[in-house]
Amino acid sequence: MRVRTSGDVVDMRALWWEDEAVKAIDQRALPHDFEIATIRTHTEMAEAISNMTIRGAPSIGAAGAYGMALAWRNEINLEDAAQTLRATRPTAYDLFHAIDLMSSEDGDLRRPADRYADSVVSRCERIGTNGSELIEDDMKILTHCNAGALATVDFGTALAPIRVAHRAGRRVFVFVDETRPRLQGAKLTAWELANEGIEYAVIADNAAGHYLRDEVDMVIVGADRIAANGDFANKIGTYEKAVVAGENGVPFYVAAPLSTFDPALPSGEGIVIEQRSPDEVLFIDEVRVAAGGSNALNPAFDVTPSKFVTGFITEQGIFRADNLKNFLEDARV
């Protein structure tokens, strides 16, 4: 991704291995501060995933792979390390996919972890190429949460087609849902688009329906887990965007690598929804916004039925939900 720091523009990844440790952009500090976290043990990696230093399903997968490599380096039992890492966040399938791959490796896990991270980036680049074919000049696109380079090691899923179209010279405007309660849209997606030089505007989550009525040409979102029938989990608020998009005839696409598909899960009814701290709803950046004594409910994700999905943008092409079964049987997930 392109990062502007102290007037310079540099290309970097969201996380990488360096000097016997894992370095990661601390996503909690953005957009006001740019900080690099250093992670030296698998338990520190588990904490970084839990506390959202590292977030976004493909980036969490890479973090899980690197966490296993750190456990191997520190001579920790790998089954115990895998259990610790799996317990961090239950919804994102990439985490479990990556840990299972690392568990099947023999010997030093650093190179397999690097290969896994590289494969995520390569897949996202192909997602960008495939999805960019849908984007015409002067299109206006709505996104939800952050499915950019921060969430995917580099390049992005939902933002990847937009990056490719922009770099090809097409004019694109992005409506950026703020994405309460953690504001990943306002804080992270807006930061990425600004660094890339892509025109955008942050909108309140409740304004999406207003713009979907007659201004949005397409919705592209990411996913944290996709069931075999095409039902998918993504950041809370995605379901309502899909329903309103369908009501207004706006194409609704899900961009995700094959590592996000869970072919063993028949439908979205089986997806475990992570419940996070009520404080994320009651406070914004440590400032209380709710009346004292208020309780809050805070599901991190919701499940969108496949009937609302126009197509899935993957590294192997764009597929409709009604063709997913054949696609998953043929693809190497």
C-alpha atoms as a PDB file:
ATOM      1  CA  MET A   1       0.000   0.000   0.000  1.00  0.00           C
ATOM      2  CA  ARG A   2       1.047   3.600  -0.472  1.00  0.00           C
ATOM      3  CA  VAL A   3       1.770   5.323   2.841  1.00  0.00           C
ATOM      4  CA  ARG A   4       2.505   9.030   3.182  1.00  0.00           C
ATOM      5  CA  THR A   5       4.742   9.732   6.170  1.00  0.00           C
ATOM      6  CA  SER A   6       6.650  12.985   6.753  1.00  0.00           C
ATOM      7  CA  GLY A   7       5.950  14.077   3.202  1.00  0.00           C
ATOM      8  CA  ASP A   8       7.351  10.885   1.650  1.00  0.00           C
ATOM      9  CA  VAL A   9       5.363   8.182  -0.117  1.00  0.00           C
ATOM     10  CA  VAL A  10       6.496   4.616   0.556  1.00  0.00           C
ATOM     11  CA  ASP A  11       5.111   1.205  -0.342  1.00  0.00           C
ATOM     12  CA  MET A  12       4.696  -1.182   2.561  1.00  0.00           C
ATOM     13  CA  ARG A  13       2.621  -4.054   3.881  1.00  0.00           C
ATOM     14  CA  ALA A  14       0.330  -4.183   6.875  1.00  0.00           C
ATOM     15  CA  LEU A  15       2.562  -6.819   8.521  1.00  0.00           C
ATOM     16  CA  TRP A  16       5.836  -8.582   7.765  1.00  0.00           C
ATOM     17  CA  TRP A  17       8.709 -10.580   9.311  1.00  0.00           C
ATOM     18  CA  GLU A  18      11.814  -8.602  10.280  1.00  0.00           C
ATOM     19  CA  ASP A  19      14.735  -9.299  12.643  1.00  0.00           C
ATOM     20  CA  GLU A  20      13.243 -12.462  14.195  1.00  0.00           C
ATOM     21  CA  ALA A  21       9.953 -10.700  14.967  1.00  0.00           C
ATOM     22  CA  VAL A  22       6.783  -9.647  13.195  1.00  0.00           C
ATOM     23  CA  LYS A  23       6.261  -5.974  12.467  1.00  0.00           C
ATOM     24  CA  ALA A  24       2.742  -4.642  11.949  1.00  0.00           C
ATOM     25  CA  ILE A  25       1.099  -1.295  11.358  1.00  0.00           C
ATOM     26  CA  ASP A  26      -0.862  -0.644  14.544  1.00  0.00           C
ATOM     27  CA  GLN A  27      -4.324  -0.062  13.117  1.00  0.00           C
ATOM     28  CA  ARG A  28      -5.605   1.264  16.439  1.00  0.00           C
ATOM     29  CA  ALA A  29      -3.418   4.361  16.128  1.00  0.00           C
ATOM     30  CA  LEU A  30      -4.570   5.393  12.655  1.00  0.00           C
ATOM     31  CA  PRO A  31      -5.321   7.841  11.168  1.00  0.00           C
ATOM     32  CA  HIS A  32      -3.808  10.316  13.616  1.00  0.00           C
ATOM     33  CA  ASP A  33      -0.613   8.433  14.419  1.00  0.00           C
ATOM     34  CA  PHE A  34       1.467   5.987  12.404  1.00  0.00           C
ATOM     35  CA  GLU A  35       2.992   3.360  14.683  1.00  0.00           C
ATOM     36  CA  ILE A  36       4.706   0.020  14.073  1.00  0.00           C
ATOM     37  CA  ALA A  37       4.122  -2.764  16.588  1.00  0.00           C
ATOM     38  CA  THR A  38       6.806  -5.387  17.216  1.00  0.00           C
ATOM     39  CA  ILE A  39       5.490  -8.878  18.014  1.00  0.00           C
ATOM     40  CA  ARG A  40       7.956 -11.476  19.298  1.00  0.00           C
ATOM     41  CA  THR A  41       5.828 -14.375  20.612  1.00  0.00           C
ATOM     42  CA  HIS A  42       2.689 -16.223  19.603  1.00  0.00           C
ATOM     43  CA  THR A  43       0.924 -14.949  22.733  1.00  0.00           C
ATOM     44  CA  GLU A  44       1.774 -11.367  21.762  1.00  0.00           C
ATOM     45  CA  MET A  45       0.390 -12.162  18.323  1.00  0.00           C
ATOM     46  CA  ALA A  46      -2.807 -13.526  19.860  1.00  0.00           C
ATOM     47  CA  GLU A  47      -3.166 -10.298  21.821  1.00  0.00           C
ATOM     48  CA  ALA A  48      -2.502  -8.193  18.706  1.00  0.00           C
ATOM     49  CA  ILE A  49      -5.315 -10.032  16.899  1.00  0.00           C
ATOM     50  CA  SER A  50      -7.698  -9.769  19.866  1.00  0.00           C
ATOM     51  CA  ASN A  51      -7.122  -6.071  20.526  1.00  0.00           C
ATOM     52  CA  MET A  52      -7.358  -5.123  16.832  1.00  0.00           C
ATOM     53  CA  THR A  53      -3.741  -4.069  16.346  1.00  0.00           C
ATOM     54  CA  ILE A  54      -4.081  -6.398  13.359  1.00  0.00           C
ATOM     55  CA  ARG A  55      -7.554  -6.769  11.851  1.00  0.00           C
ATOM     56  CA  GLY A  56      -9.236  -7.784   8.592  1.00  0.00           C
ATOM     57  CA  ALA A  57      -9.745 -11.452   7.744  1.00  0.00           C
ATOM     58  CA  PRO A  58      -6.808 -12.006   5.321  1.00  0.00           C
ATOM     59  CA  SER A  59      -4.425 -10.005   7.551  1.00  0.00           C
ATOM     60  CA  ILE A  60      -5.615 -12.029  10.541  1.00  0.00           C
ATOM     61  CA  GLY A  61      -4.849 -15.167   8.545  1.00  0.00           C
ATOM     62  CA  ALA A  62      -1.321 -13.957   7.853  1.00  0.00           C
ATOM     63  CA  ALA A  63      -0.978 -13.019  11.525  1.00  0.00           C
ATOM     64  CA  GLY A  64      -2.002 -16.549  12.485  1.00  0.00           C
ATOM     65  CA  ALA A  65       0.620 -17.982  10.142  1.00  0.00           C
ATOM     66  CA  TYR A  66       3.305 -15.706  11.572  1.00  0.00           C
ATOM     67  CA  GLY A  67       2.131 -16.515  15.096  1.00  0.00           C
ATOM     68  CA  MET A  68       2.802 -20.182  14.394  1.00  0.00           C
ATOM     69  CA  ALA A  69       6.241 -19.282  13.028  1.00  0.00           C
ATOM     70  CA  LEU A  70       6.994 -17.344  16.214  1.00  0.00           C
ATOM     71  CA  ALA A  71       5.922 -20.354  18.286  1.00  0.00           C
ATOM     72  CA  TRP A  72       8.262 -22.609  16.307  1.00  0.00           C
ATOM     73  CA  ARG A  73      11.121 -20.117  16.714  1.00  0.00           C
ATOM     74  CA  ASN A  74      10.514 -19.936  20.491  1.00  0.00           C
ATOM     75  CA  GLU A  75      10.253 -23.742  20.772  1.00  0.00           C
ATOM     76  CA  ILE A  76       6.607 -23.696  21.854  1.00  0.00           C
ATOM     77  CA  ASN A  77       4.370 -26.717  21.345  1.00  0.00           C
ATOM     78  CA  LEU A  78       2.628 -25.969  18.055  1.00  0.00           C
ATOM     79  CA  GLU A  79      -0.682 -27.570  19.017  1.00  0.00           C
ATOM     80  CA  ASP A  80      -0.843 -25.344  22.092  1.00  0.00           C
ATOM     81  CA  ALA A  81       0.109 -22.296  20.028  1.00  0.00           C
ATOM     82  CA  ALA A  82      -2.547 -23.117  17.436  1.00  0.00           C
ATOM     83  CA  GLN A  83      -5.186 -23.391  20.143  1.00  0.00           C
ATOM     84  CA  THR A  84      -4.200 -20.002  21.584  1.00  0.00           C
ATOM     85  CA  LEU A  85      -4.314 -18.312  18.185  1.00  0.00           C
ATOM     86  CA  ARG A  86      -7.607 -19.923  17.154  1.00  0.00           C
ATOM     87  CA  ALA A  87      -9.267 -18.637  20.335  1.00  0.00           C
ATOM     88  CA  THR A  88      -8.689 -14.978  19.445  1.00  0.00           C
ATOM     89  CA  ARG A  89     -11.500 -14.238  16.969  1.00  0.00           C
ATOM     90  CA  PRO A  90     -14.095 -16.860  16.030  1.00  0.00           C
ATOM     91  CA  THR A  91     -15.650 -15.461  12.845  1.00  0.00           C
ATOM     92  CA  ALA A  92     -12.803 -14.874  10.359  1.00  0.00           C
ATOM     93  CA  TYR A  93     -12.199 -18.136   8.489  1.00  0.00           C
ATOM     94  CA  ASP A  94      -8.803 -17.072   7.109  1.00  0.00           C
ATOM     95  CA  LEU A  95      -7.336 -17.404  10.614  1.00  0.00           C
ATOM     96  CA  PHE A  96      -8.281 -21.090  10.871  1.00  0.00           C
ATOM     97  CA  HIS A  97      -7.313 -21.766   7.257  1.00  0.00           C
ATOM     98  CA  ALA A  98      -3.814 -20.328   7.800  1.00  0.00           C
ATOM     99  CA  ILE A  99      -3.209 -22.096  11.107  1.00  0.00           C
ATOM    100  CA  ASP A 100      -4.242 -25.431   9.597  1.00  0.00           C
ATOM    101  CA  LEU A 101      -1.794 -24.892   6.729  1.00  0.00           C
ATOM    102  CA  MET A 102       1.047 -24.067   9.129  1.00  0.00           C
ATOM    103  CA  SER A 103       0.188 -27.092  11.279  1.00  0.00           C
ATOM    104  CA  SER A 104       0.720 -29.331   8.256  1.00  0.00           C
ATOM    105  CA  GLU A 105       4.245 -27.986   7.652  1.00  0.00           C
ATOM    106  CA  ASP A 106       7.454 -29.538   8.967  1.00  0.00           C
ATOM    107  CA  GLY A 107      10.462 -27.653  10.292  1.00  0.00           C
ATOM    108  CA  ASP A 108      11.045 -23.901  10.298  1.00  0.00           C
ATOM    109  CA  LEU A 109       7.718 -22.149   9.729  1.00  0.00           C
ATOM    110  CA  ARG A 110       9.095 -18.743   8.868  1.00  0.00           C
ATOM    111  CA  ARG A 111       9.324 -19.374   5.123  1.00  0.00           C
ATOM    112  CA  PRO A 112       5.888 -21.044   4.913  1.00  0.00           C
ATOM    113  CA  ALA A 113       4.437 -18.057   6.799  1.00  0.00           C
ATOM    114  CA  ASP A 114       6.107 -15.653   4.382  1.00  0.00           C
ATOM    115  CA  ARG A 115       4.767 -17.687   1.470  1.00  0.00           C
ATOM    116  CA  TYR A 116       1.291 -17.543   2.963  1.00  0.00           C
ATOM    117  CA  ALA A 117       1.466 -13.752   3.321  1.00  0.00           C
ATOM    118  CA  ASP A 118       2.799 -13.462  -0.230  1.00  0.00           C
ATOM    119  CA  SER A 119      -0.055 -15.619  -1.496  1.00  0.00           C
ATOM    120  CA  VAL A 120      -2.599 -13.340   0.179  1.00  0.00           C
ATOM    121  CA  VAL A 121      -1.130 -10.323  -1.601  1.00  0.00           C
ATOM    122  CA  SER A 122      -1.013 -12.144  -4.930  1.00  0.00           C
ATOM    123  CA  ARG A 123      -4.639 -13.219  -4.570  1.00  0.00           C
ATOM    124  CA  CYS A 124      -5.727  -9.695  -3.722  1.00  0.00           C
ATOM    125  CA  GLU A 125      -3.930  -8.307  -6.770  1.00  0.00           C
ATOM    126  CA  ARG A 126      -5.877 -10.742  -8.963  1.00  0.00           C
ATOM    127  CA  ILE A 127      -9.101  -9.797  -7.189  1.00  0.00           C
ATOM    128  CA  GLY A 128      -8.302  -6.200  -8.110  1.00  0.00           C
ATOM    129  CA  THR A 129      -7.715  -7.081 -11.756  1.00  0.00           C
ATOM    130  CA  ASN A 130     -10.882  -9.173 -12.023  1.00  0.00           C
ATOM    131  CA  GLY A 131     -13.086  -6.719 -10.174  1.00  0.00           C
ATOM    132  CA  SER A 132     -11.814  -3.652 -12.015  1.00  0.00           C
ATOM    133  CA  GLU A 133     -13.569  -4.922 -15.135  1.00  0.00           C
ATOM    134  CA  LEU A 134     -16.852  -4.028 -13.428  1.00  0.00           C
ATOM    135  CA  ILE A 135     -15.853  -0.400 -12.837  1.00  0.00           C
ATOM    136  CA  GLU A 136     -16.569   2.166 -15.515  1.00  0.00           C
ATOM    137  CA  ASP A 137     -15.376   5.755 -15.662  1.00  0.00           C
ATOM    138  CA  ASP A 138     -17.116   8.128 -13.212  1.00  0.00           C
ATOM    139  CA  MET A 139     -18.663   5.333 -11.161  1.00  0.00           C
ATOM    140  CA  LYS A 140     -19.685   5.963  -7.560  1.00  0.00           C
ATOM    141  CA  ILE A 141     -19.054   3.013  -5.247  1.00  0.00           C
ATOM    142  CA  LEU A 142     -20.151   2.399  -1.663  1.00  0.00           C
ATOM    143  CA  THR A 143     -17.942   0.465   0.762  1.00  0.00           C
ATOM    144  CA  HIS A 144     -18.446  -0.700   4.332  1.00  0.00           C
ATOM    145  CA  CYS A 145     -15.781  -1.199   7.004  1.00  0.00           C
ATOM    146  CA  ASN A 146     -12.161  -1.508   5.813  1.00  0.00           C
ATOM    147  CA  ALA A 147     -11.348  -4.163   3.235  1.00  0.00           C
ATOM    148  CA  GLY A 148      -8.210  -2.490   1.952  1.00  0.00           C
ATOM    149  CA  ALA A 149      -4.500  -3.173   2.261  1.00  0.00           C
ATOM    150  CA  LEU A 150      -4.565  -2.892   6.051  1.00  0.00           C
ATOM    151  CA  ALA A 151      -7.061  -5.736   6.216  1.00  0.00           C
ATOM    152  CA  THR A 152      -5.336  -7.951   3.655  1.00  0.00           C
ATOM    153  CA  VAL A 153      -1.552  -7.531   4.120  1.00  0.00           C
ATOM    154  CA  ASP A 154      -1.508  -5.423   0.928  1.00  0.00           C
ATOM    155  CA  PHE A 155      -3.754  -4.226  -1.900  1.00  0.00           C
ATOM    156  CA  GLY A 156      -7.138  -5.130  -0.409  1.00  0.00           C
ATOM    157  CA  THR A 157     -10.251  -7.045  -1.382  1.00  0.00           C
ATOM    158  CA  ALA A 158     -13.120  -4.558  -1.736  1.00  0.00           C
ATOM    159  CA  LEU A 159     -10.662  -1.723  -2.375  1.00  0.00           C
ATOM    160  CA  ALA A 160      -8.504  -3.734  -4.799  1.00  0.00           C
ATOM    161  CA  PRO A 161     -10.755  -3.252  -7.870  1.00  0.00           C
ATOM    162  CA  ILE A 162     -11.016   0.449  -7.026  1.00  0.00           C
ATOM    163  CA  ARG A 163      -7.211   0.763  -6.802  1.00  0.00           C
ATOM    164  CA  VAL A 164      -6.733  -0.965 -10.150  1.00  0.00           C
ATOM    165  CA  ALA A 165      -9.398   1.128 -11.866  1.00  0.00           C
ATOM    166  CA  HIS A 166      -7.919   4.326 -10.414  1.00  0.00           C
ATOM    167  CA  ARG A 167      -4.376   3.416 -11.468  1.00  0.00           C
ATOM    168  CA  ALA A 168      -5.706   2.677 -14.958  1.00  0.00           C
ATOM    169  CA  GLY A 169      -6.917   6.272 -15.171  1.00  0.00           C
ATOM    170  CA  ARG A 170     -10.626   5.763 -14.504  1.00  0.00           C
ATOM    171  CA  ARG A 171     -12.355   8.331 -12.303  1.00  0.00           C
ATOM    172  CA  VAL A 172     -13.905   6.685  -9.256  1.00  0.00           C
ATOM    173  CA  PHE A 173     -15.703   8.208  -6.284  1.00  0.00           C
ATOM    174  CA  VAL A 174     -16.110   6.203  -3.073  1.00  0.00           C
ATOM    175  CA  PHE A 175     -18.808   6.618  -0.436  1.00  0.00           C
ATOM    176  CA  VAL A 176     -17.072   5.471   2.758  1.00  0.00           C
ATOM    177  CA  ASP A 177     -19.425   4.230   5.476  1.00  0.00           C
ATOM    178  CA  GLU A 178     -18.050   5.397   8.817  1.00  0.00           C
ATOM    179  CA  THR A 179     -18.722   1.879  10.184  1.00  0.00           C
ATOM    180  CA  ARG A 180     -19.643   2.165  13.809  1.00  0.00           C
ATOM    181  CA  PRO A 181     -18.742   1.209  16.422  1.00  0.00           C
ATOM    182  CA  ARG A 182     -14.985   1.134  15.706  1.00  0.00           C
ATOM    183  CA  LEU A 183     -15.140   3.499  12.710  1.00  0.00           C
ATOM    184  CA  GLN A 184     -12.923   1.396  10.448  1.00  0.00           C
ATOM    185  CA  GLY A 185     -14.333   3.196   7.422  1.00  0.00           C
ATOM    186  CA  ALA A 186     -13.761   6.721   8.682  1.00  0.00           C
ATOM    187  CA  LYS A 187     -10.406   5.928  10.247  1.00  0.00           C
ATOM    188  CA  LEU A 188      -8.860   3.310   7.941  1.00  0.00           C
ATOM    189  CA  THR A 189     -10.564   3.217   4.538  1.00  0.00           C
ATOM    190  CA  ALA A 190     -10.497   7.015   4.284  1.00  0.00           C
ATOM    191  CA  TRP A 191      -6.796   6.974   5.240  1.00  0.00           C
ATOM    192  CA  GLU A 192      -6.006   4.420   2.542  1.00  0.00           C
ATOM    193  CA  LEU A 193      -7.968   6.258  -0.150  1.00  0.00           C
ATOM    194  CA  ALA A 194      -6.330   9.556   0.753  1.00  0.00           C
ATOM    195  CA  ASN A 195      -2.886   7.959   0.469  1.00  0.00           C
ATOM    196  CA  GLU A 196      -3.865   6.538  -2.917  1.00  0.00           C
ATOM    197  CA  GLY A 197      -5.287   9.829  -4.187  1.00  0.00           C
ATOM    198  CA  ILE A 198      -8.786   8.404  -4.775  1.00  0.00           C
ATOM    199  CA  GLU A 199     -11.724  10.789  -4.350  1.00  0.00           C
ATOM    200  CA  TYR A 200     -14.064   9.873  -1.492  1.00  0.00           C
ATOM    201  CA  ALA A 201     -16.430  11.147   1.170  1.00  0.00           C
ATOM    202  CA  VAL A 202     -17.073   9.658   4.597  1.00  0.00           C
ATOM    203  CA  ILE A 203     -20.778   9.235   5.291  1.00  0.00           C
ATOM    204  CA  ALA A 204     -22.688   8.283   8.421  1.00  0.00           C
ATOM    205  CA  ASP A 205     -23.786   4.669   8.350  1.00  0.00           C
ATOM    206  CA  ASN A 206     -27.410   5.797   8.387  1.00  0.00           C
ATOM    207  CA  ALA A 207     -26.854   7.902   5.246  1.00  0.00           C
ATOM    208  CA  ALA A 208     -26.105   4.893   3.032  1.00  0.00           C
ATOM    209  CA  GLY A 209     -29.760   4.314   2.136  1.00  0.00           C
ATOM    210  CA  HIS A 210     -30.123   7.936   1.068  1.00  0.00           C
ATOM    211  CA  TYR A 211     -27.282   7.610  -1.433  1.00  0.00           C
ATOM    212  CA  LEU A 212     -28.204   4.086  -2.538  1.00  0.00           C
ATOM    213  CA  ARG A 213     -31.537   5.415  -3.764  1.00  0.00           C
ATOM    214  CA  ASP A 214     -30.098   7.354  -6.700  1.00  0.00           C
ATOM    215  CA  GLU A 215     -26.360   8.037  -6.485  1.00  0.00           C
ATOM    216  CA  VAL A 216     -24.485   4.785  -5.821  1.00  0.00           C
ATOM    217  CA  ASP A 217     -23.657   2.688  -8.898  1.00  0.00           C
ATOM    218  CA  MET A 218     -22.234  -0.330  -7.082  1.00  0.00           C
ATOM    219  CA  VAL A 219     -21.506  -1.694  -3.610  1.00  0.00           C
ATOM    220  CA  ILE A 220     -18.318  -3.685  -2.951  1.00  0.00           C
ATOM    221  CA  VAL A 221     -17.643  -5.166   0.488  1.00  0.00           C
ATOM    222  CA  GLY A 222     -15.233  -7.709   1.906  1.00  0.00           C
ATOM    223  CA  ALA A 223     -16.071 -10.803   3.947  1.00  0.00           C
ATOM    224  CA  ASP A 224     -14.832 -12.646   7.003  1.00  0.00           C
ATOM    225  CA  ARG A 225     -16.399 -16.033   6.238  1.00  0.00           C
ATOM    226  CA  ILE A 226     -18.406 -17.267   3.251  1.00  0.00           C
ATOM    227  CA  ALA A 227     -20.527 -20.398   3.535  1.00  0.00           C
ATOM    228  CA  ALA A 228     -20.889 -22.942   0.740  1.00  0.00           C
ATOM    229  CA  ASN A 229     -24.260 -21.518  -0.313  1.00  0.00           C
ATOM    230  CA  GLY A 230     -22.924 -17.951  -0.541  1.00  0.00           C
ATOM    231  CA  ASP A 231     -24.249 -16.600   2.746  1.00  0.00           C
ATOM    232  CA  PHE A 232     -21.466 -14.499   4.232  1.00  0.00           C
ATOM    233  CA  ALA A 233     -20.407 -12.745   7.403  1.00  0.00           C
ATOM    234  CA  ASN A 234     -18.977  -9.253   7.257  1.00  0.00           C
ATOM    235  CA  LYS A 235     -18.782  -6.221   9.523  1.00  0.00           C
ATOM    236  CA  ILE A 236     -22.017  -5.413  11.320  1.00  0.00           C
ATOM    237  CA  GLY A 237     -24.218  -3.263   9.112  1.00  0.00           C
ATOM    238  CA  THR A 238     -23.432  -5.100   5.893  1.00  0.00           C
ATOM    239  CA  TYR A 239     -26.760  -6.952   5.854  1.00  0.00           C
ATOM    240  CA  GLU A 240     -28.832  -3.782   5.869  1.00  0.00           C
ATOM    241  CA  LYS A 241     -26.698  -2.270   3.065  1.00  0.00           C
ATOM    242  CA  ALA A 242     -27.312  -5.389   0.963  1.00  0.00           C
ATOM    243  CA  VAL A 243     -31.077  -5.248   1.525  1.00  0.00           C
ATOM    244  CA  VAL A 244     -31.289  -1.556   0.606  1.00  0.00           C
ATOM    245  CA  ALA A 245     -29.029  -2.072  -2.425  1.00  0.00           C
ATOM    246  CA  GLY A 246     -31.313  -4.883  -3.612  1.00  0.00           C
ATOM    247  CA  GLU A 247     -34.413  -2.765  -3.104  1.00  0.00           C
ATOM    248  CA  ASN A 248     -32.896  -0.047  -5.281  1.00  0.00           C
ATOM    249  CA  GLY A 249     -31.413  -2.295  -7.963  1.00  0.00           C
ATOM    250  CA  VAL A 250     -27.808  -1.464  -7.067  1.00  0.00           C
ATOM    251  CA  PRO A 251     -25.328  -4.304  -7.835  1.00  0.00           C
ATOM    252  CA  PHE A 252     -23.863  -5.721  -4.606  1.00  0.00           C
ATOM    253  CA  TYR A 253     -20.501  -7.518  -4.838  1.00  0.00           C
ATOM    254  CA  VAL A 254     -18.417  -9.376  -2.257  1.00  0.00           C
ATOM    255  CA  ALA A 255     -14.644  -9.402  -2.821  1.00  0.00           C
ATOM    256  CA  ALA A 256     -12.707 -12.165  -1.068  1.00  0.00           C
ATOM    257  CA  PRO A 257      -9.910 -14.690  -1.653  1.00  0.00           C
ATOM    258  CA  LEU A 258     -10.595 -18.415  -1.624  1.00  0.00           C
ATOM    259  CA  SER A 259      -9.152 -18.606   1.886  1.00  0.00           C
ATOM    260  CA  THR A 260     -12.286 -16.823   3.148  1.00  0.00           C
ATOM    261  CA  PHE A 261     -14.639 -19.507   1.770  1.00  0.00           C
ATOM    262  CA  ASP A 262     -15.630 -22.242   4.214  1.00  0.00           C
ATOM    263  CA  PRO A 263     -16.926 -25.052   1.963  1.00  0.00           C
ATOM    264  CA  ALA A 264     -17.625 -27.283   4.964  1.00  0.00           C
ATOM    265  CA  LEU A 265     -20.220 -24.808   6.232  1.00  0.00           C
ATOM    266  CA  PRO A 266     -23.549 -25.346   4.427  1.00  0.00           C
ATOM    267  CA  SER A 267     -25.075 -21.933   5.175  1.00  0.00           C
ATOM    268  CA  GLY A 268     -24.641 -18.738   7.134  1.00  0.00           C
ATOM    269  CA  GLU A 269     -26.716 -20.116  10.004  1.00  0.00           C
ATOM    270  CA  GLY A 270     -23.592 -21.908  11.228  1.00  0.00           C
ATOM    271  CA  ILE A 271     -21.340 -18.850  11.318  1.00  0.00           C
ATOM    272  CA  VAL A 272     -20.295 -17.902  14.853  1.00  0.00           C
ATOM    273  CA  ILE A 273     -20.752 -14.164  15.406  1.00  0.00           C
ATOM    274  CA  GLU A 274     -18.141 -12.579  17.644  1.00  0.00           C
ATOM    275  CA  GLN A 275     -19.564 -10.486  20.488  1.00  0.00           C
ATOM    276  CA  ARG A 276     -17.234  -7.675  21.487  1.00  0.00           C
ATOM    277  CA  SER A 277     -17.076  -5.354  24.490  1.00  0.00           C
ATOM    278  CA  PRO A 278     -20.066  -3.031  25.065  1.00  0.00           C
ATOM    279  CA  ASP A 279     -17.556  -0.247  25.634  1.00  0.00           C
ATOM    280  CA  GLU A 280     -16.889  -0.094  21.887  1.00  0.00           C
ATOM    281  CA  VAL A 281     -20.475   1.128  21.499  1.00  0.00           C
ATOM    282  CA  LEU A 282     -20.680   3.242  24.649  1.00  0.00           C
ATOM    283  CA  PHE A 283     -17.398   5.093  24.031  1.00  0.00           C
ATOM    284  CA  ILE A 284     -15.629   6.635  21.038  1.00  0.00           C
ATOM    285  CA  ASP A 285     -11.880   7.053  21.593  1.00  0.00           C
ATOM    286  CA  GLU A 286     -12.395   6.885  25.365  1.00  0.00           C
ATOM    287  CA  VAL A 287     -15.105   9.568  25.296  1.00  0.00           C
ATOM    288  CA  ARG A 288     -18.433   8.294  26.609  1.00  0.00           C
ATOM    289  CA  VAL A 289     -21.254   8.970  24.149  1.00  0.00           C
ATOM    290  CA  ALA A 290     -24.065   7.093  25.904  1.00  0.00           C
ATOM    291  CA  ALA A 291     -25.921   8.029  29.055  1.00  0.00           C
ATOM    292  CA  GLY A 292     -24.342   6.807  32.255  1.00  0.00           C
ATOM    293  CA  GLY A 293     -25.511   3.349  33.275  1.00  0.00           C
ATOM    294  CA  SER A 294     -26.430   2.375  29.711  1.00  0.00           C
ATOM    295  CA  ASN A 295     -25.890  -1.183  28.552  1.00  0.00           C
ATOM    296  CA  ALA A 296     -24.954  -2.036  24.966  1.00  0.00           C
ATOM    297  CA  LEU A 297     -24.985  -5.008  22.604  1.00  0.00           C
ATOM    298  CA  ASN A 298     -22.049  -5.288  20.239  1.00  0.00           C
ATOM    299  CA  PRO A 299     -22.073  -8.052  17.617  1.00  0.00           C
ATOM    300  CA  ALA A 300     -18.994  -7.519  15.451  1.00  0.00           C
ATOM    301  CA  PHE A 301     -20.536  -9.075  12.322  1.00  0.00           C
ATOM    302  CA  ASP A 302     -23.830  -9.907  10.683  1.00  0.00           C
ATOM    303  CA  VAL A 303     -24.730 -12.525   8.072  1.00  0.00           C
ATOM    304  CA  THR A 304     -26.039 -11.524   4.647  1.00  0.00           C
ATOM    305  CA  PRO A 305     -28.041 -14.154   2.715  1.00  0.00           C
ATOM    306  CA  SER A 306     -26.649 -15.041  -0.688  1.00  0.00           C
ATOM    307  CA  LYS A 307     -29.816 -13.888  -2.477  1.00  0.00           C
ATOM    308  CA  PHE A 308     -28.632 -10.296  -2.035  1.00  0.00           C
ATOM    309  CA  VAL A 309     -25.224 -10.906  -3.640  1.00  0.00           C
ATOM    310  CA  THR A 310     -24.811 -10.015  -7.312  1.00  0.00           C
ATOM    311  CA  GLY A 311     -21.458 -11.792  -7.471  1.00  0.00           C
ATOM    312  CA  PHE A 312     -18.312 -12.850  -5.628  1.00  0.00           C
ATOM    313  CA  ILE A 313     -15.082 -11.287  -6.876  1.00  0.00           C
ATOM    314  CA  THR A 314     -12.270 -13.801  -6.313  1.00  0.00           C
ATOM    315  CA  GLU A 315      -8.759 -14.402  -7.582  1.00  0.00           C
ATOM    316  CA  GLN A 316     -10.217 -17.004  -9.944  1.00  0.00           C
ATOM    317  CA  GLY A 317     -12.933 -14.821 -11.414  1.00  0.00           C
ATOM    318  CA  ILE A 318     -16.369 -13.439 -10.599  1.00  0.00           C
ATOM    319  CA  PHE A 319     -19.061 -15.943  -9.657  1.00  0.00           C
ATOM    320  CA  ARG A 320     -22.753 -15.751  -8.874  1.00  0.00           C
ATOM    321  CA  ALA A 321     -24.004 -17.333  -5.672  1.00  0.00           C
ATOM    322  CA  ASP A 322     -26.053 -19.900  -7.625  1.00  0.00           C
ATOM    323  CA  ASN A 323     -22.838 -21.101  -9.264  1.00  0.00           C
ATOM    324  CA  LEU A 324     -20.742 -21.187  -6.092  1.00  0.00           C
ATOM    325  CA  LYS A 325     -21.217 -24.902  -5.438  1.00  0.00           C
ATOM    326  CA  ASN A 326     -19.655 -25.853  -8.754  1.00  0.00           C
ATOM    327  CA  PHE A 327     -16.986 -23.212  -8.337  1.00  0.00           C
ATOM    328  CA  LEU A 328     -15.955 -24.408  -4.877  1.00  0.00           C
ATOM    329  CA  GLU A 329     -15.861 -28.017  -6.004  1.00  0.00           C
ATOM    330  CA  ASP A 330     -13.486 -27.106  -8.844  1.00  0.00           C
ATOM    331  CA  ALA A 331     -11.384 -24.530  -6.983  1.00  0.00           C
ATOM    332  CA  ARG A 332      -8.504 -25.293  -4.654  1.00  0.00           C
ATOM    333  CA  VAL A 333      -9.689 -23.697  -1.444  1.00  0.00           C
END
